Amino acid sequence: MLEAALVLTWSSGFIGARFSLDYAPPLLVVYWRCVVVTLLLLPFVARQLITIPPALLLKNAGIGLLAMTGYVAGVTQGIALGVPAGLAALFADLLPMGMALLAAV
């Protein structure tokens, strides 16, 4: 069930970004998307967060913030500049394969 929710929410993010950009700037859209996701997922991980050392938690939070927010902000900015949402999703989802190919070289 959670897997289906992940696929639905992840794939709808590109279309949601396209429609929300008519009403708000790209970085504001990304900010609120991250806030909502954090509030929705926090109850699932709250118990485990207590056991993680603060330094490790801060390090992982920083990596996650840079990776996910940078990724989502780049895609949202591209959509705001006129890239179709489907094409932005295709390029964004090809990133792992591109990184694997670059790592093999």
C-alpha atoms as a PDB file:
ATOM      1  CA  MET A   1       0.000   0.000   0.000  1.00  0.00           C
ATOM      2  CA  LEU A   2       2.795   2.439   0.888  1.00  0.00           C
ATOM      3  CA  GLU A   3       4.559   1.616  -2.376  1.00  0.00           C
ATOM      4  CA  ALA A   4       1.489   2.598  -4.386  1.00  0.00           C
ATOM      5  CA  ALA A   5       1.207   5.841  -2.418  1.00  0.00           C
ATOM      6  CA  LEU A   6       4.871   6.585  -3.134  1.00  0.00           C
ATOM      7  CA  VAL A   7       4.466   6.044  -6.880  1.00  0.00           C
ATOM      8  CA  LEU A   8       1.289   8.114  -7.008  1.00  0.00           C
ATOM      9  CA  THR A   9       2.667  11.048  -5.041  1.00  0.00           C
ATOM     10  CA  TRP A  10       6.099  11.012  -6.701  1.00  0.00           C
ATOM     11  CA  SER A  11       4.766  10.944 -10.257  1.00  0.00           C
ATOM     12  CA  SER A  12       2.054  13.499  -9.560  1.00  0.00           C
ATOM     13  CA  GLY A  13       4.680  15.943  -8.271  1.00  0.00           C
ATOM     14  CA  PHE A  14       5.694  16.948 -11.798  1.00  0.00           C
ATOM     15  CA  ILE A  15       2.128  17.681 -12.887  1.00  0.00           C
ATOM     16  CA  GLY A  16       1.397  19.331  -9.543  1.00  0.00           C
ATOM     17  CA  ALA A  17       4.428  21.560 -10.015  1.00  0.00           C
ATOM     18  CA  ARG A  18       3.195  22.587 -13.443  1.00  0.00           C
ATOM     19  CA  PHE A  19      -0.234  23.618 -12.171  1.00  0.00           C
ATOM     20  CA  SER A  20       1.013  25.273  -8.976  1.00  0.00           C
ATOM     21  CA  LEU A  21       3.529  27.429 -10.864  1.00  0.00           C
ATOM     22  CA  ASP A  22       0.610  29.436 -12.236  1.00  0.00           C
ATOM     23  CA  TYR A  23       0.035  30.730  -8.696  1.00  0.00           C
ATOM     24  CA  ALA A  24       3.417  30.756  -6.927  1.00  0.00           C
ATOM     25  CA  PRO A  25       7.142  31.091  -7.700  1.00  0.00           C
ATOM     26  CA  PRO A  26       9.145  27.857  -8.162  1.00  0.00           C
ATOM     27  CA  LEU A  27      11.098  27.937  -4.901  1.00  0.00           C
ATOM     28  CA  LEU A  28       7.950  28.611  -2.875  1.00  0.00           C
ATOM     29  CA  VAL A  29       6.330  25.571  -4.503  1.00  0.00           C
ATOM     30  CA  VAL A  30       9.385  23.471  -3.590  1.00  0.00           C
ATOM     31  CA  TYR A  31       9.391  24.820  -0.029  1.00  0.00           C
ATOM     32  CA  TRP A  32       5.775  23.898   0.621  1.00  0.00           C
ATOM     33  CA  ARG A  33       6.171  20.518  -1.065  1.00  0.00           C
ATOM     34  CA  CYS A  34       9.056  19.695   1.285  1.00  0.00           C
ATOM     35  CA  VAL A  35       7.186  20.982   4.354  1.00  0.00           C
ATOM     36  CA  VAL A  36       4.106  18.882   3.575  1.00  0.00           C
ATOM     37  CA  VAL A  37       6.164  15.744   2.911  1.00  0.00           C
ATOM     38  CA  THR A  38       8.134  16.242   6.129  1.00  0.00           C
ATOM     39  CA  LEU A  39       4.977  16.612   8.195  1.00  0.00           C
ATOM     40  CA  LEU A  40       3.378  13.566   6.562  1.00  0.00           C
ATOM     41  CA  LEU A  41       6.405  11.284   7.016  1.00  0.00           C
ATOM     42  CA  LEU A  42       7.535  12.440  10.465  1.00  0.00           C
ATOM     43  CA  PRO A  43       5.107  10.183  12.389  1.00  0.00           C
ATOM     44  CA  PHE A  44       6.568   7.127  10.625  1.00  0.00           C
ATOM     45  CA  VAL A  45      10.157   7.870  11.684  1.00  0.00           C
ATOM     46  CA  ALA A  46       9.773   9.813  14.948  1.00  0.00           C
ATOM     47  CA  ARG A  47      10.586   6.837  17.170  1.00  0.00           C
ATOM     48  CA  GLN A  48      13.762   5.993  15.228  1.00  0.00           C
ATOM     49  CA  LEU A  49      14.937   9.619  15.226  1.00  0.00           C
ATOM     50  CA  ILE A  50      15.345   9.540  19.001  1.00  0.00           C
ATOM     51  CA  THR A  51      17.954   6.759  18.795  1.00  0.00           C
ATOM     52  CA  ILE A  52      20.137   8.415  16.119  1.00  0.00           C
ATOM     53  CA  PRO A  53      23.089  10.508  17.355  1.00  0.00           C
ATOM     54  CA  PRO A  54      22.513  14.216  16.630  1.00  0.00           C
ATOM     55  CA  ALA A  55      25.712  14.595  14.565  1.00  0.00           C
ATOM     56  CA  LEU A  56      24.714  11.732  12.262  1.00  0.00           C
ATOM     57  CA  LEU A  57      21.168  13.046  12.014  1.00  0.00           C
ATOM     58  CA  LEU A  58      22.425  16.511  11.071  1.00  0.00           C
ATOM     59  CA  LYS A  59      24.810  15.091   8.464  1.00  0.00           C
ATOM     60  CA  ASN A  60      22.093  12.952   6.856  1.00  0.00           C
ATOM     61  CA  ALA A  61      19.579  15.793   6.993  1.00  0.00           C
ATOM     62  CA  GLY A  62      22.047  18.061   5.192  1.00  0.00           C
ATOM     63  CA  ILE A  63      22.713  15.475   2.484  1.00  0.00           C
ATOM     64  CA  GLY A  64      18.994  14.862   2.048  1.00  0.00           C
ATOM     65  CA  LEU A  65      18.240  18.568   1.935  1.00  0.00           C
ATOM     66  CA  LEU A  66      20.845  19.217  -0.734  1.00  0.00           C
ATOM     67  CA  ALA A  67      19.995  16.136  -2.773  1.00  0.00           C
ATOM     68  CA  MET A  68      16.207  16.192  -2.749  1.00  0.00           C
ATOM     69  CA  THR A  69      15.573  19.914  -2.541  1.00  0.00           C
ATOM     70  CA  GLY A  70      18.187  20.605  -5.200  1.00  0.00           C
ATOM     71  CA  TYR A  71      16.678  17.957  -7.437  1.00  0.00           C
ATOM     72  CA  VAL A  72      13.095  19.106  -6.949  1.00  0.00           C
ATOM     73  CA  ALA A  73      14.060  22.795  -7.225  1.00  0.00           C
ATOM     74  CA  GLY A  74      15.882  22.173 -10.512  1.00  0.00           C
ATOM     75  CA  VAL A  75      12.971  20.291 -12.028  1.00  0.00           C
ATOM     76  CA  THR A  76      10.450  22.866 -10.805  1.00  0.00           C
ATOM     77  CA  GLN A  77      12.559  25.745 -12.122  1.00  0.00           C
ATOM     78  CA  GLY A  78      12.802  23.986 -15.490  1.00  0.00           C
ATOM     79  CA  ILE A  79       9.034  23.581 -15.644  1.00  0.00           C
ATOM     80  CA  ALA A  80       8.655  27.267 -14.733  1.00  0.00           C
ATOM     81  CA  LEU A  81      10.935  28.183 -17.648  1.00  0.00           C
ATOM     82  CA  GLY A  82       8.725  26.299 -20.090  1.00  0.00           C
ATOM     83  CA  VAL A  83       9.995  22.715 -20.150  1.00  0.00           C
ATOM     84  CA  PRO A  84       6.965  20.387 -20.427  1.00  0.00           C
ATOM     85  CA  ALA A  85       6.310  18.470 -17.196  1.00  0.00           C
ATOM     86  CA  GLY A  86       6.574  15.101 -18.943  1.00  0.00           C
ATOM     87  CA  LEU A  87       9.959  15.939 -20.445  1.00  0.00           C
ATOM     88  CA  ALA A  88      11.217  17.263 -17.105  1.00  0.00           C
ATOM     89  CA  ALA A  89      10.084  14.030 -15.443  1.00  0.00           C
ATOM     90  CA  LEU A  90      11.818  11.947 -18.109  1.00  0.00           C
ATOM     91  CA  PHE A  91      15.122  13.783 -17.739  1.00  0.00           C
ATOM     92  CA  ALA A  92      14.921  13.749 -13.946  1.00  0.00           C
ATOM     93  CA  ASP A  93      14.214  10.031 -13.852  1.00  0.00           C
ATOM     94  CA  LEU A  94      17.121   9.300 -16.199  1.00  0.00           C
ATOM     95  CA  LEU A  95      19.589  10.808 -13.708  1.00  0.00           C
ATOM     96  CA  PRO A  96      20.359   7.545 -11.846  1.00  0.00           C
ATOM     97  CA  MET A  97      21.061   5.722 -15.101  1.00  0.00           C
ATOM     98  CA  GLY A  98      23.236   8.594 -16.302  1.00  0.00           C
ATOM     99  CA  MET A  99      25.218   8.566 -13.065  1.00  0.00           C
ATOM    100  CA  ALA A 100      25.721   4.802 -13.358  1.00  0.00           C
ATOM    101  CA  LEU A 101      26.990   5.215 -16.918  1.00  0.00           C
ATOM    102  CA  LEU A 102      29.360   8.002 -15.873  1.00  0.00           C
ATOM    103  CA  ALA A 103      30.637   5.909 -12.976  1.00  0.00           C
ATOM    104  CA  ALA A 104      31.388   3.027 -15.352  1.00  0.00           C
ATOM    105  CA  VAL A 105      33.603   5.209 -17.566  1.00  0.00           C
END
